[in-house]
């Protein structure tokens, strides 16, 4: 085989191999980017529901429970508010 032709073939082979490695790296990056995007949006969309269930719902349940001591328009009386404040003070 002609030495010039052989040198050109080895150069082309090296370029093709380098191109293949770059394409694999790009595909890998796209895959990880997709996974992190899905995880990010799952956290963004699920976290508010979880935080509501853990922290806000118990407070809402205390005020929405029907009781005979509620004031007009189903608002809590000052005694209910004071009881809630005392329960937070005891918890600390």
C-alpha atoms as a PDB file:
ATOM      1  CA  UNK A   1       0.000   0.000   0.000  1.00  0.00           C
ATOM      2  CA  UNK A   2       1.196   3.467  -0.774  1.00  0.00           C
ATOM      3  CA  UNK A   3       2.657   5.126   2.403  1.00  0.00           C
ATOM      4  CA  UNK A   4       0.825   8.386   1.637  1.00  0.00           C
ATOM      5  CA  UNK A   5      -2.490   6.581   1.374  1.00  0.00           C
ATOM      6  CA  UNK A   6      -1.814   4.618   4.552  1.00  0.00           C
ATOM      7  CA  UNK A   7      -1.015   7.835   6.471  1.00  0.00           C
ATOM      8  CA  UNK A   8      -4.235   9.450   5.236  1.00  0.00           C
ATOM      9  CA  UNK A   9      -6.251   6.393   6.243  1.00  0.00           C
ATOM     10  CA  UNK A  10      -4.800   6.423   9.753  1.00  0.00           C
ATOM     11  CA  UNK A  11      -5.567  10.149  10.053  1.00  0.00           C
ATOM     12  CA  UNK A  12      -9.142   9.575   8.880  1.00  0.00           C
ATOM     13  CA  UNK A  13      -9.482   6.662  11.293  1.00  0.00           C
ATOM     14  CA  UNK A  14      -8.264   8.835  14.182  1.00  0.00           C
ATOM     15  CA  UNK A  15     -10.716  11.595  13.216  1.00  0.00           C
ATOM     16  CA  UNK A  16     -13.607   9.146  12.985  1.00  0.00           C
ATOM     17  CA  UNK A  17     -12.737   7.671  16.376  1.00  0.00           C
ATOM     18  CA  UNK A  18     -12.504  11.153  17.928  1.00  0.00           C
ATOM     19  CA  UNK A  19     -15.839  12.106  16.365  1.00  0.00           C
ATOM     20  CA  UNK A  20     -17.439   8.938  17.710  1.00  0.00           C
ATOM     21  CA  UNK A  21     -16.148   9.673  21.220  1.00  0.00           C
ATOM     22  CA  UNK A  22     -17.502  13.235  21.062  1.00  0.00           C
ATOM     23  CA  UNK A  23     -20.921  12.039  19.881  1.00  0.00           C
ATOM     24  CA  UNK A  24     -21.093   9.498  22.698  1.00  0.00           C
ATOM     25  CA  UNK A  25     -20.199  12.222  25.210  1.00  0.00           C
ATOM     26  CA  UNK A  26     -22.921  14.476  23.802  1.00  0.00           C
ATOM     27  CA  UNK A  27     -25.511  11.692  23.995  1.00  0.00           C
ATOM     28  CA  UNK A  28     -24.459  10.859  27.561  1.00  0.00           C
ATOM     29  CA  UNK A  29     -24.747  14.515  28.531  1.00  0.00           C
ATOM     30  CA  UNK A  30     -28.219  14.714  26.967  1.00  0.00           C
ATOM     31  CA  UNK A  31     -29.321  11.638  28.879  1.00  0.00           C
ATOM     32  CA  UNK A  32     -28.109  12.963  32.247  1.00  0.00           C
ATOM     33  CA  UNK A  33     -29.610  16.346  31.478  1.00  0.00           C
ATOM     34  CA  UNK A  34     -32.984  14.718  30.816  1.00  0.00           C
ATOM     35  CA  UNK A  35     -32.814  12.730  34.056  1.00  0.00           C
ATOM     36  CA  UNK A  36     -31.882  15.760  36.158  1.00  0.00           C
ATOM     37  CA  UNK A  37     -34.631  17.822  34.523  1.00  0.00           C
ATOM     38  CA  UNK A  38     -37.235  15.162  35.339  1.00  0.00           C
ATOM     39  CA  UNK A  39     -36.014  14.887  38.934  1.00  0.00           C
ATOM     40  CA  UNK A  40     -36.002  18.671  39.314  1.00  0.00           C
ATOM     41  CA  UNK A  41     -39.587  19.037  38.093  1.00  0.00           C
ATOM     42  CA  UNK A  42     -40.745  16.134  40.240  1.00  0.00           C
ATOM     43  CA  UNK A  43     -39.283  17.867  43.290  1.00  0.00           C
ATOM     44  CA  UNK A  44     -40.764  21.220  42.297  1.00  0.00           C
ATOM     45  CA  UNK A  45     -44.225  19.749  41.748  1.00  0.00           C
ATOM     46  CA  UNK A  46     -44.313  17.247  44.632  1.00  0.00           C
ATOM     47  CA  UNK A  47     -42.644  19.290  47.392  1.00  0.00           C
ATOM     48  CA  UNK A  48     -45.546  21.744  47.899  1.00  0.00           C
ATOM     49  CA  UNK A  49     -48.024  18.896  48.372  1.00  0.00           C
ATOM     50  CA  UNK A  50     -45.715  17.153  50.842  1.00  0.00           C
ATOM     51  CA  UNK A  51     -45.049  20.342  52.796  1.00  0.00           C
ATOM     52  CA  UNK A  52     -48.767  21.108  52.893  1.00  0.00           C
ATOM     53  CA  UNK A  53     -49.530  17.646  54.270  1.00  0.00           C
ATOM     54  CA  UNK A  54     -46.790  17.867  56.888  1.00  0.00           C
ATOM     55  CA  UNK A  55     -47.106  21.429  58.156  1.00  0.00           C
ATOM     56  CA  UNK A  56     -50.167  23.305  56.948  1.00  0.00           C
ATOM     57  CA  UNK A  57     -52.894  20.674  57.040  1.00  0.00           C
ATOM     58  CA  UNK A  58     -52.689  20.081  60.823  1.00  0.00           C
ATOM     59  CA  UNK A  59     -53.164  23.800  61.407  1.00  0.00           C
ATOM     60  CA  UNK A  60     -56.077  23.943  58.975  1.00  0.00           C
ATOM     61  CA  UNK A  61     -57.630  20.892  60.616  1.00  0.00           C
ATOM     62  CA  UNK A  62     -57.519  22.595  64.027  1.00  0.00           C
ATOM     63  CA  UNK A  63     -59.443  25.583  62.725  1.00  0.00           C
ATOM     64  CA  UNK A  64     -61.858  23.712  60.493  1.00  0.00           C
ATOM     65  CA  UNK A  65     -63.003  21.203  63.123  1.00  0.00           C
ATOM     66  CA  UNK A  66     -66.583  22.064  64.040  1.00  0.00           C
ATOM     67  CA  UNK A  67     -66.937  23.079  67.646  1.00  0.00           C
ATOM     68  CA  UNK A  68     -69.505  24.835  69.754  1.00  0.00           C
ATOM     69  CA  UNK A  69     -67.056  27.576  70.735  1.00  0.00           C
ATOM     70  CA  UNK A  70     -66.579  29.095  67.293  1.00  0.00           C
ATOM     71  CA  UNK A  71     -67.535  32.689  66.819  1.00  0.00           C
ATOM     72  CA  UNK A  72     -69.728  34.143  64.134  1.00  0.00           C
ATOM     73  CA  UNK A  73     -69.035  33.277  60.497  1.00  0.00           C
ATOM     74  CA  UNK A  74     -67.154  30.133  61.639  1.00  0.00           C
ATOM     75  CA  UNK A  75     -64.182  32.183  62.839  1.00  0.00           C
ATOM     76  CA  UNK A  76     -62.205  30.931  65.835  1.00  0.00           C
ATOM     77  CA  UNK A  77     -62.774  32.738  69.065  1.00  0.00           C
ATOM     78  CA  UNK A  78     -60.015  34.385  71.041  1.00  0.00           C
ATOM     79  CA  UNK A  79     -59.996  31.366  73.376  1.00  0.00           C
ATOM     80  CA  UNK A  80     -59.259  29.072  70.378  1.00  0.00           C
ATOM     81  CA  UNK A  81     -56.450  31.341  69.227  1.00  0.00           C
ATOM     82  CA  UNK A  82     -55.009  31.488  72.747  1.00  0.00           C
ATOM     83  CA  UNK A  83     -55.168  27.681  72.990  1.00  0.00           C
ATOM     84  CA  UNK A  84     -53.278  27.427  69.691  1.00  0.00           C
ATOM     85  CA  UNK A  85     -50.620  29.892  70.874  1.00  0.00           C
ATOM     86  CA  UNK A  86     -50.212  27.966  74.119  1.00  0.00           C
ATOM     87  CA  UNK A  87     -49.830  24.685  72.242  1.00  0.00           C
ATOM     88  CA  UNK A  88     -46.977  26.230  70.218  1.00  0.00           C
ATOM     89  CA  UNK A  89     -45.318  27.586  73.369  1.00  0.00           C
ATOM     90  CA  UNK A  90     -45.458  24.157  75.011  1.00  0.00           C
ATOM     91  CA  UNK A  91     -43.965  22.560  71.867  1.00  0.00           C
ATOM     92  CA  UNK A  92     -40.888  24.788  72.030  1.00  0.00           C
END
